[in-house]
Amino acid sequence: MDALEYIHSKGVAHRDIKLENIFLGDNVEIKIADFGLMKIFEGEGAADALRTRCGTESYMSPELLKDSNESYNGPANDIFAAGVMLFMMISAK
C-alpha cells in the first residue's frame, strides 16, 4: 500500500496491479513492476487519460467491467486490485 500511495502521490495510476506484478527486493521490500499500462492522471496531459478499459479482468473494479467510455478513478481502481490480491493471499486461491 505504501508503494501505491507513492505512485499515486506522483500522479500515476498503474492500472494493472496483480500478484504477478509484485516482487520482493533483497531486503524484503515490495517492488511494483510492469508500468506498461500506467497513465498520468494529474497535471499536464492528464485530460481524459483514464477512459480506456485495460488491465487484468479478474482484478478490475466493477465500474471498469461495465461497457462504458466514462472516465474512472485510477488510484481507486489500483486499490481495489490490491484488495483482490489480499483476498487471494488470505484465501490461498
PDB file of N, CA and C in Angstrom:
ATOM      1  N   MET A   1       0.829  -1.196   0.000  1.00  0.00           N
ATOM      2  CA  MET A   1       0.000   0.000   0.000  1.00  0.00           C
ATOM      3  C   MET A   1       0.874   1.260   0.000  1.00  0.00           C
ATOM      4  N   ASP A   2       2.024   1.192   0.677  1.00  0.00           N
ATOM      5  CA  ASP A   2       2.926   2.350   0.657  1.00  0.00           C
ATOM      6  C   ASP A   2       3.418   2.646  -0.753  1.00  0.00           C
ATOM      7  N   ALA A   3       3.715   1.593  -1.506  1.00  0.00           N
ATOM      8  CA  ALA A   3       4.185   1.774  -2.878  1.00  0.00           C
ATOM      9  C   ALA A   3       3.086   2.387  -3.742  1.00  0.00           C
ATOM     10  N   LEU A   4       1.846   1.930  -3.565  1.00  0.00           N
ATOM     11  CA  LEU A   4       0.726   2.517  -4.312  1.00  0.00           C
ATOM     12  C   LEU A   4       0.524   3.973  -3.918  1.00  0.00           C
ATOM     13  N   GLU A   5       0.602   4.243  -2.621  1.00  0.00           N
ATOM     14  CA  GLU A   5       0.449   5.624  -2.166  1.00  0.00           C
ATOM     15  C   GLU A   5       1.516   6.519  -2.800  1.00  0.00           C
ATOM     16  N   TYR A   6       2.726   6.002  -2.924  1.00  0.00           N
ATOM     17  CA  TYR A   6       3.815   6.781  -3.510  1.00  0.00           C
ATOM     18  C   TYR A   6       3.542   7.085  -4.983  1.00  0.00           C
ATOM     19  N   ILE A   7       3.210   6.065  -5.771  1.00  0.00           N
ATOM     20  CA  ILE A   7       2.999   6.341  -7.201  1.00  0.00           C
ATOM     21  C   ILE A   7       1.774   7.222  -7.415  1.00  0.00           C
ATOM     22  N   HIS A   8       0.750   7.049  -6.581  1.00  0.00           N
ATOM     23  CA  HIS A   8      -0.436   7.909  -6.701  1.00  0.00           C
ATOM     24  C   HIS A   8      -0.097   9.350  -6.334  1.00  0.00           C
ATOM     25  N   SER A   9       0.801   9.542  -5.352  1.00  0.00           N
ATOM     26  CA  SER A   9       1.202  10.908  -4.971  1.00  0.00           C
ATOM     27  C   SER A   9       1.966  11.598  -6.096  1.00  0.00           C
ATOM     28  N   LYS A  10       2.519  10.826  -7.007  1.00  0.00           N
ATOM     29  CA  LYS A  10       3.224  11.367  -8.171  1.00  0.00           C
ATOM     30  C   LYS A  10       2.300  11.546  -9.367  1.00  0.00           C
ATOM     31  N   GLY A  11       0.993  11.245  -9.175  1.00  0.00           N
ATOM     32  CA  GLY A  11       0.013  11.434 -10.242  1.00  0.00           C
ATOM     33  C   GLY A  11      -0.039  10.294 -11.232  1.00  0.00           C
ATOM     34  N   VAL A  12       0.394   9.109 -10.824  1.00  0.00           N
ATOM     35  CA  VAL A  12       0.463   7.961 -11.717  1.00  0.00           C
ATOM     36  C   VAL A  12      -0.500   6.870 -11.255  1.00  0.00           C
ATOM     37  N   ALA A  13      -1.301   6.351 -12.180  1.00  0.00           N
ATOM     38  CA  ALA A  13      -2.153   5.178 -11.933  1.00  0.00           C
ATOM     39  C   ALA A  13      -1.502   3.998 -12.651  1.00  0.00           C
ATOM     40  N   HIS A  14      -1.275   2.904 -11.957  1.00  0.00           N
ATOM     41  CA  HIS A  14      -0.603   1.733 -12.529  1.00  0.00           C
ATOM     42  C   HIS A  14      -1.496   1.007 -13.524  1.00  0.00           C
ATOM     43  N   ARG A  15      -2.733   0.749 -13.167  1.00  0.00           N
ATOM     44  CA  ARG A  15      -3.787   0.138 -13.975  1.00  0.00           C
ATOM     45  C   ARG A  15      -3.617  -1.353 -14.255  1.00  0.00           C
ATOM     46  N   ASP A  16      -2.626  -2.005 -13.660  1.00  0.00           N
ATOM     47  CA  ASP A  16      -2.507  -3.459 -13.806  1.00  0.00           C
ATOM     48  C   ASP A  16      -1.884  -4.070 -12.555  1.00  0.00           C
ATOM     49  N   ILE A  17      -2.387  -3.652 -11.400  1.00  0.00           N
ATOM     50  CA  ILE A  17      -1.919  -4.224 -10.138  1.00  0.00           C
ATOM     51  C   ILE A  17      -2.438  -5.649 -10.043  1.00  0.00           C
ATOM     52  N   LYS A  18      -1.516  -6.592  -9.871  1.00  0.00           N
ATOM     53  CA  LYS A  18      -1.856  -8.006  -9.711  1.00  0.00           C
ATOM     54  C   LYS A  18      -0.660  -8.714  -9.097  1.00  0.00           C
ATOM     55  N   LEU A  19      -0.881  -9.917  -8.588  1.00  0.00           N
ATOM     56  CA  LEU A  19       0.184 -10.647  -7.917  1.00  0.00           C
ATOM     57  C   LEU A  19       1.416 -10.825  -8.802  1.00  0.00           C
ATOM     58  N   GLU A  20       1.213 -11.035 -10.078  1.00  0.00           N
ATOM     59  CA  GLU A  20       2.329 -11.259 -10.997  1.00  0.00           C
ATOM     60  C   GLU A  20       3.203 -10.021 -11.189  1.00  0.00           C
ATOM     61  N   ASN A  21       2.719  -8.855 -10.789  1.00  0.00           N
ATOM     62  CA  ASN A  21       3.478  -7.613 -10.938  1.00  0.00           C
ATOM     63  C   ASN A  21       4.056  -7.099  -9.623  1.00  0.00           C
ATOM     64  N   ILE A  22       4.047  -7.931  -8.596  1.00  0.00           N
ATOM     65  CA  ILE A  22       4.592  -7.548  -7.298  1.00  0.00           C
ATOM     66  C   ILE A  22       5.768  -8.474  -6.975  1.00  0.00           C
ATOM     67  N   PHE A  23       6.894  -7.871  -6.614  1.00  0.00           N
ATOM     68  CA  PHE A  23       8.097  -8.635  -6.300  1.00  0.00           C
ATOM     69  C   PHE A  23       8.657  -8.196  -4.957  1.00  0.00           C
ATOM     70  N   LEU A  24       9.497  -9.044  -4.361  1.00  0.00           N
ATOM     71  CA  LEU A  24      10.192  -8.702  -3.128  1.00  0.00           C
ATOM     72  C   LEU A  24      11.648  -8.417  -3.447  1.00  0.00           C
ATOM     73  N   GLY A  25      12.160  -7.310  -2.897  1.00  0.00           N
ATOM     74  CA  GLY A  25      13.560  -6.959  -3.088  1.00  0.00           C
ATOM     75  C   GLY A  25      14.455  -7.721  -2.130  1.00  0.00           C
ATOM     76  N   ASP A  26      15.740  -7.433  -2.177  1.00  0.00           N
ATOM     77  CA  ASP A  26      16.726  -8.115  -1.339  1.00  0.00           C
ATOM     78  C   ASP A  26      16.451  -7.962   0.153  1.00  0.00           C
ATOM     79  N   ASN A  27      15.934  -6.817   0.540  1.00  0.00           N
ATOM     80  CA  ASN A  27      15.639  -6.553   1.959  1.00  0.00           C
ATOM     81  C   ASN A  27      14.155  -6.713   2.261  1.00  0.00           C
ATOM     82  N   VAL A  28      13.482  -7.544   1.514  1.00  0.00           N
ATOM     83  CA  VAL A  28      12.058  -7.856   1.652  1.00  0.00           C
ATOM     84  C   VAL A  28      11.186  -6.608   1.481  1.00  0.00           C
ATOM     85  N   GLU A  29      11.645  -5.656   0.675  1.00  0.00           N
ATOM     86  CA  GLU A  29      10.810  -4.512   0.342  1.00  0.00           C
ATOM     87  C   GLU A  29      10.006  -4.871  -0.902  1.00  0.00           C
ATOM     88  N   ILE A  30       8.799  -4.331  -0.971  1.00  0.00           N
ATOM     89  CA  ILE A  30       7.910  -4.642  -2.093  1.00  0.00           C
ATOM     90  C   ILE A  30       8.261  -3.760  -3.283  1.00  0.00           C
ATOM     91  N   LYS A  31       8.305  -4.384  -4.450  1.00  0.00           N
ATOM     92  CA  LYS A  31       8.587  -3.683  -5.703  1.00  0.00           C
ATOM     93  C   LYS A  31       7.404  -3.893  -6.639  1.00  0.00           C
ATOM     94  N   ILE A  32       6.928  -2.817  -7.252  1.00  0.00           N
ATOM     95  CA  ILE A  32       5.864  -2.905  -8.241  1.00  0.00           C
ATOM     96  C   ILE A  32       6.520  -2.901  -9.617  1.00  0.00           C
ATOM     97  N   ALA A  33       6.111  -3.830 -10.462  1.00  0.00           N
ATOM     98  CA  ALA A  33       6.694  -3.955 -11.798  1.00  0.00           C
ATOM     99  C   ALA A  33       5.637  -3.717 -12.882  1.00  0.00           C
ATOM    100  N   ASP A  34       6.076  -3.694 -14.111  1.00  0.00           N
ATOM    101  CA  ASP A  34       5.236  -3.618 -15.310  1.00  0.00           C
ATOM    102  C   ASP A  34       4.365  -2.367 -15.339  1.00  0.00           C
ATOM    103  N   PHE A  35       4.990  -1.265 -15.651  1.00  0.00           N
ATOM    104  CA  PHE A  35       4.279   0.000 -15.756  1.00  0.00           C
ATOM    105  C   PHE A  35       3.839   0.277 -17.196  1.00  0.00           C
ATOM    106  N   GLY A  36       3.675  -0.775 -17.982  1.00  0.00           N
ATOM    107  CA  GLY A  36       3.308  -0.631 -19.389  1.00  0.00           C
ATOM    108  C   GLY A  36       1.936  -0.026 -19.619  1.00  0.00           C
ATOM    109  N   LEU A  37       1.008  -0.175 -18.678  1.00  0.00           N
ATOM    110  CA  LEU A  37      -0.346   0.371 -18.821  1.00  0.00           C
ATOM    111  C   LEU A  37      -0.562   1.626 -17.987  1.00  0.00           C
ATOM    112  N   MET A  38       0.473   2.109 -17.315  1.00  0.00           N
ATOM    113  CA  MET A  38       0.314   3.249 -16.410  1.00  0.00           C
ATOM    114  C   MET A  38      -0.097   4.495 -17.179  1.00  0.00           C
ATOM    115  N   LYS A  39      -0.812   5.371 -16.475  1.00  0.00           N
ATOM    116  CA  LYS A  39      -1.217   6.663 -17.038  1.00  0.00           C
ATOM    117  C   LYS A  39      -1.056   7.733 -15.980  1.00  0.00           C
ATOM    118  N   ILE A  40      -0.714   8.917 -16.434  1.00  0.00           N
ATOM    119  CA  ILE A  40      -0.666  10.079 -15.550  1.00  0.00           C
ATOM    120  C   ILE A  40      -2.083  10.603 -15.429  1.00  0.00           C
ATOM    121  N   PHE A  41      -2.576  10.734 -14.208  1.00  0.00           N
ATOM    122  CA  PHE A  41      -3.955  11.186 -14.017  1.00  0.00           C
ATOM    123  C   PHE A  41      -4.048  12.596 -13.461  1.00  0.00           C
ATOM    124  N   GLU A  42      -2.921  13.232 -13.197  1.00  0.00           N
ATOM    125  CA  GLU A  42      -2.917  14.605 -12.694  1.00  0.00           C
ATOM    126  C   GLU A  42      -1.950  15.430 -13.519  1.00  0.00           C
ATOM    127  N   GLY A  43      -2.219  16.706 -13.595  1.00  0.00           N
ATOM    128  CA  GLY A  43      -1.290  17.620 -14.241  1.00  0.00           C
ATOM    129  C   GLY A  43      -1.425  17.651 -15.755  1.00  0.00           C
ATOM    130  N   GLU A  44      -0.384  18.132 -16.387  1.00  0.00           N
ATOM    131  CA  GLU A  44      -0.372  18.331 -17.836  1.00  0.00           C
ATOM    132  C   GLU A  44      -0.501  17.005 -18.591  1.00  0.00           C
ATOM    133  N   GLY A  45      -1.380  16.984 -19.565  1.00  0.00           N
ATOM    134  CA  GLY A  45      -1.566  15.786 -20.388  1.00  0.00           C
ATOM    135  C   GLY A  45      -2.461  14.735 -19.774  1.00  0.00           C
ATOM    136  N   ALA A  46      -3.139  15.061 -18.687  1.00  0.00           N
ATOM    137  CA  ALA A  46      -3.942  14.064 -17.990  1.00  0.00           C
ATOM    138  C   ALA A  46      -5.405  14.035 -18.425  1.00  0.00           C
ATOM    139  N   ALA A  47      -5.842  14.998 -19.197  1.00  0.00           N
ATOM    140  CA  ALA A  47      -7.247  15.071 -19.598  1.00  0.00           C
ATOM    141  C   ALA A  47      -7.667  13.796 -20.318  1.00  0.00           C
ATOM    142  N   ASP A  48      -8.742  13.220 -19.863  1.00  0.00           N
ATOM    143  CA  ASP A  48      -9.315  12.006 -20.453  1.00  0.00           C
ATOM    144  C   ASP A  48      -8.351  10.814 -20.471  1.00  0.00           C
ATOM    145  N   ALA A  49      -7.343  10.825 -19.612  1.00  0.00           N
ATOM    146  CA  ALA A  49      -6.347   9.750 -19.615  1.00  0.00           C
ATOM    147  C   ALA A  49      -6.928   8.426 -19.139  1.00  0.00           C
ATOM    148  N   LEU A  50      -7.904   8.479 -18.263  1.00  0.00           N
ATOM    149  CA  LEU A  50      -8.420   7.256 -17.667  1.00  0.00           C
ATOM    150  C   LEU A  50      -9.819   6.939 -18.188  1.00  0.00           C
ATOM    151  N   ARG A  51      -9.899   6.558 -19.429  1.00  0.00           N
ATOM    152  CA  ARG A  51     -11.144   6.134 -20.050  1.00  0.00           C
ATOM    153  C   ARG A  51     -11.014   4.728 -20.617  1.00  0.00           C
ATOM    154  N   THR A  52      -9.814   4.307 -20.921  1.00  0.00           N
ATOM    155  CA  THR A  52      -9.573   3.023 -21.565  1.00  0.00           C
ATOM    156  C   THR A  52      -9.654   1.881 -20.557  1.00  0.00           C
ATOM    157  N   ARG A  53     -10.431   0.869 -20.904  1.00  0.00           N
ATOM    158  CA  ARG A  53     -10.513  -0.322 -20.062  1.00  0.00           C
ATOM    159  C   ARG A  53      -9.281  -1.175 -20.345  1.00  0.00           C
ATOM    160  N   CYS A  54      -8.441  -1.340 -19.333  1.00  0.00           N
ATOM    161  CA  CYS A  54      -7.234  -2.136 -19.518  1.00  0.00           C
ATOM    162  C   CYS A  54      -6.847  -2.756 -18.185  1.00  0.00           C
ATOM    163  N   GLY A  55      -5.959  -3.721 -18.250  1.00  0.00           N
ATOM    164  CA  GLY A  55      -5.534  -4.432 -17.055  1.00  0.00           C
ATOM    165  C   GLY A  55      -5.986  -5.873 -17.119  1.00  0.00           C
ATOM    166  N   THR A  56      -5.935  -6.530 -15.997  1.00  0.00           N
ATOM    167  CA  THR A  56      -6.315  -7.934 -15.903  1.00  0.00           C
ATOM    168  C   THR A  56      -7.724  -8.019 -15.339  1.00  0.00           C
ATOM    169  N   GLU A  57      -8.615  -8.628 -16.090  1.00  0.00           N
ATOM    170  CA  GLU A  57     -10.043  -8.598 -15.779  1.00  0.00           C
ATOM    171  C   GLU A  57     -10.377  -9.080 -14.366  1.00  0.00           C
ATOM    172  N   SER A  58      -9.738 -10.123 -13.889  1.00  0.00           N
ATOM    173  CA  SER A  58     -10.088 -10.652 -12.564  1.00  0.00           C
ATOM    174  C   SER A  58      -9.690  -9.718 -11.420  1.00  0.00           C
ATOM    175  N   TYR A  59      -8.933  -8.657 -11.706  1.00  0.00           N
ATOM    176  CA  TYR A  59      -8.546  -7.680 -10.687  1.00  0.00           C
ATOM    177  C   TYR A  59      -9.276  -6.350 -10.856  1.00  0.00           C
ATOM    178  N   MET A  60     -10.124  -6.230 -11.877  1.00  0.00           N
ATOM    179  CA  MET A  60     -10.786  -4.965 -12.186  1.00  0.00           C
ATOM    180  C   MET A  60     -11.956  -4.686 -11.256  1.00  0.00           C
ATOM    181  N   SER A  61     -12.152  -3.404 -10.973  1.00  0.00           N
ATOM    182  CA  SER A  61     -13.302  -2.989 -10.175  1.00  0.00           C
ATOM    183  C   SER A  61     -14.564  -3.046 -11.033  1.00  0.00           C
ATOM    184  N   PRO A  62     -15.733  -3.103 -10.404  1.00  0.00           N
ATOM    185  CA  PRO A  62     -16.985  -3.203 -11.159  1.00  0.00           C
ATOM    186  C   PRO A  62     -17.192  -2.083 -12.184  1.00  0.00           C
ATOM    187  N   GLU A  63     -16.783  -0.866 -11.866  1.00  0.00           N
ATOM    188  CA  GLU A  63     -17.001   0.227 -12.820  1.00  0.00           C
ATOM    189  C   GLU A  63     -16.151   0.060 -14.082  1.00  0.00           C
ATOM    190  N   LEU A  64     -15.045  -0.638 -13.996  1.00  0.00           N
ATOM    191  CA  LEU A  64     -14.248  -0.910 -15.194  1.00  0.00           C
ATOM    192  C   LEU A  64     -14.826  -2.056 -16.009  1.00  0.00           C
ATOM    193  N   LEU A  65     -15.514  -2.970 -15.370  1.00  0.00           N
ATOM    194  CA  LEU A  65     -16.059  -4.131 -16.066  1.00  0.00           C
ATOM    195  C   LEU A  65     -17.284  -3.801 -16.908  1.00  0.00           C
ATOM    196  N   LYS A  66     -18.007  -2.742 -16.556  1.00  0.00           N
ATOM    197  CA  LYS A  66     -19.177  -2.387 -17.365  1.00  0.00           C
ATOM    198  C   LYS A  66     -18.717  -1.735 -18.663  1.00  0.00           C
ATOM    199  N   ASP A  67     -19.472  -1.948 -19.703  1.00  0.00           N
ATOM    200  CA  ASP A  67     -19.141  -1.359 -21.004  1.00  0.00           C
ATOM    201  C   ASP A  67     -19.509   0.112 -20.987  1.00  0.00           C
ATOM    202  N   SER A  68     -18.501   0.945 -20.905  1.00  0.00           N
ATOM    203  CA  SER A  68     -18.724   2.378 -20.821  1.00  0.00           C
ATOM    204  C   SER A  68     -17.456   3.096 -21.264  1.00  0.00           C
ATOM    205  N   ASN A  69     -17.607   4.300 -21.725  1.00  0.00           N
ATOM    206  CA  ASN A  69     -16.456   5.103 -22.108  1.00  0.00           C
ATOM    207  C   ASN A  69     -16.283   6.267 -21.132  1.00  0.00           C
ATOM    208  N   GLU A  70     -16.834   6.115 -19.931  1.00  0.00           N
ATOM    209  CA  GLU A  70     -16.721   7.163 -18.919  1.00  0.00           C
ATOM    210  C   GLU A  70     -15.340   7.110 -18.276  1.00  0.00           C
ATOM    211  N   SER A  71     -14.885   8.248 -17.795  1.00  0.00           N
ATOM    212  CA  SER A  71     -13.603   8.262 -17.095  1.00  0.00           C
ATOM    213  C   SER A  71     -13.783   7.605 -15.727  1.00  0.00           C
ATOM    214  N   TYR A  72     -12.686   7.109 -15.172  1.00  0.00           N
ATOM    215  CA  TYR A  72     -12.728   6.430 -13.882  1.00  0.00           C
ATOM    216  C   TYR A  72     -11.561   6.896 -13.022  1.00  0.00           C
ATOM    217  N   ASN A  73     -11.627   6.553 -11.757  1.00  0.00           N
ATOM    218  CA  ASN A  73     -10.625   6.947 -10.779  1.00  0.00           C
ATOM    219  C   ASN A  73      -9.506   5.905 -10.764  1.00  0.00           C
ATOM    220  N   GLY A  74      -8.354   6.240 -11.320  1.00  0.00           N
ATOM    221  CA  GLY A  74      -7.234   5.312 -11.410  1.00  0.00           C
ATOM    222  C   GLY A  74      -6.728   4.810 -10.071  1.00  0.00           C
ATOM    223  N   PRO A  75      -6.450   5.708  -9.099  1.00  0.00           N
ATOM    224  CA  PRO A  75      -5.975   5.237  -7.808  1.00  0.00           C
ATOM    225  C   PRO A  75      -6.982   4.320  -7.100  1.00  0.00           C
ATOM    226  N   ALA A  76      -8.261   4.642  -7.187  1.00  0.00           N
ATOM    227  CA  ALA A  76      -9.274   3.794  -6.545  1.00  0.00           C
ATOM    228  C   ALA A  76      -9.279   2.400  -7.167  1.00  0.00           C
ATOM    229  N   ASN A  77      -9.086   2.315  -8.463  1.00  0.00           N
ATOM    230  CA  ASN A  77      -9.050   1.014  -9.121  1.00  0.00           C
ATOM    231  C   ASN A  77      -7.782   0.241  -8.776  1.00  0.00           C
ATOM    232  N   ASP A  78      -6.656   0.929  -8.608  1.00  0.00           N
ATOM    233  CA  ASP A  78      -5.434   0.262  -8.145  1.00  0.00           C
ATOM    234  C   ASP A  78      -5.637  -0.313  -6.745  1.00  0.00           C
ATOM    235  N   ILE A  79      -6.294   0.439  -5.893  1.00  0.00           N
ATOM    236  CA  ILE A  79      -6.532  -0.020  -4.520  1.00  0.00           C
ATOM    237  C   ILE A  79      -7.508  -1.192  -4.515  1.00  0.00           C
ATOM    238  N   PHE A  80      -8.517  -1.164  -5.371  1.00  0.00           N
ATOM    239  CA  PHE A  80      -9.430  -2.304  -5.491  1.00  0.00           C
ATOM    240  C   PHE A  80      -8.640  -3.554  -5.878  1.00  0.00           C
ATOM    241  N   ALA A  81      -7.745  -3.425  -6.864  1.00  0.00           N
ATOM    242  CA  ALA A  81      -6.930  -4.561  -7.303  1.00  0.00           C
ATOM    243  C   ALA A  81      -6.045  -5.070  -6.171  1.00  0.00           C
ATOM    244  N   ALA A  82      -5.518  -4.159  -5.343  1.00  0.00           N
ATOM    245  CA  ALA A  82      -4.717  -4.571  -4.188  1.00  0.00           C
ATOM    246  C   ALA A  82      -5.581  -5.356  -3.194  1.00  0.00           C
ATOM    247  N   GLY A  83      -6.841  -4.963  -3.056  1.00  0.00           N
ATOM    248  CA  GLY A  83      -7.763  -5.710  -2.197  1.00  0.00           C
ATOM    249  C   GLY A  83      -8.023  -7.104  -2.732  1.00  0.00           C
ATOM    250  N   VAL A  84      -8.131  -7.233  -4.048  1.00  0.00           N
ATOM    251  CA  VAL A  84      -8.296  -8.548  -4.668  1.00  0.00           C
ATOM    252  C   VAL A  84      -7.059  -9.401  -4.383  1.00  0.00           C
ATOM    253  N   MET A  85      -5.870  -8.789  -4.476  1.00  0.00           N
ATOM    254  CA  MET A  85      -4.636  -9.516  -4.169  1.00  0.00           C
ATOM    255  C   MET A  85      -4.641 -10.004  -2.727  1.00  0.00           C
ATOM    256  N   LEU A  86      -5.048  -9.143  -1.804  1.00  0.00           N
ATOM    257  CA  LEU A  86      -5.110  -9.519  -0.388  1.00  0.00           C
ATOM    258  C   LEU A  86      -6.051 -10.690  -0.194  1.00  0.00           C
ATOM    259  N   PHE A  87      -7.223 -10.628  -0.818  1.00  0.00           N
ATOM    260  CA  PHE A  87      -8.172 -11.755  -0.720  1.00  0.00           C
ATOM    261  C   PHE A  87      -7.547 -13.040  -1.234  1.00  0.00           C
ATOM    262  N   MET A  88      -6.861 -12.948  -2.356  1.00  0.00           N
ATOM    263  CA  MET A  88      -6.237 -14.144  -2.934  1.00  0.00           C
ATOM    264  C   MET A  88      -5.159 -14.708  -2.019  1.00  0.00           C
ATOM    265  N   MET A  89      -4.398 -13.849  -1.383  1.00  0.00           N
ATOM    266  CA  MET A  89      -3.339 -14.323  -0.466  1.00  0.00           C
ATOM    267  C   MET A  89      -3.932 -14.948   0.787  1.00  0.00           C
ATOM    268  N   ILE A  90      -4.980 -14.331   1.331  1.00  0.00           N
ATOM    269  CA  ILE A  90      -5.600 -14.850   2.553  1.00  0.00           C
ATOM    270  C   ILE A  90      -6.327 -16.164   2.288  1.00  0.00           C
ATOM    271  N   SER A  91      -7.008 -16.246   1.159  1.00  0.00           N
ATOM    272  CA  SER A  91      -7.779 -17.450   0.872  1.00  0.00           C
ATOM    273  C   SER A  91      -6.947 -18.513   0.158  1.00  0.00           C
ATOM    274  N   ALA A  92      -5.699 -18.196  -0.170  1.00  0.00           N
ATOM    275  CA  ALA A  92      -4.763 -19.126  -0.843  1.00  0.00           C
ATOM    276  C   ALA A  92      -5.345 -19.652  -2.145  1.00  0.00           C
ATOM    277  N   LYS A  93      -5.947 -18.758  -2.931  1.00  0.00           N
ATOM    278  CA  LYS A  93      -6.518 -19.145  -4.233  1.00  0.00           C
ATOM    279  C   LYS A  93      -5.508 -18.945  -5.337  1.00  0.00           C
TER     280      LYS A  93
END
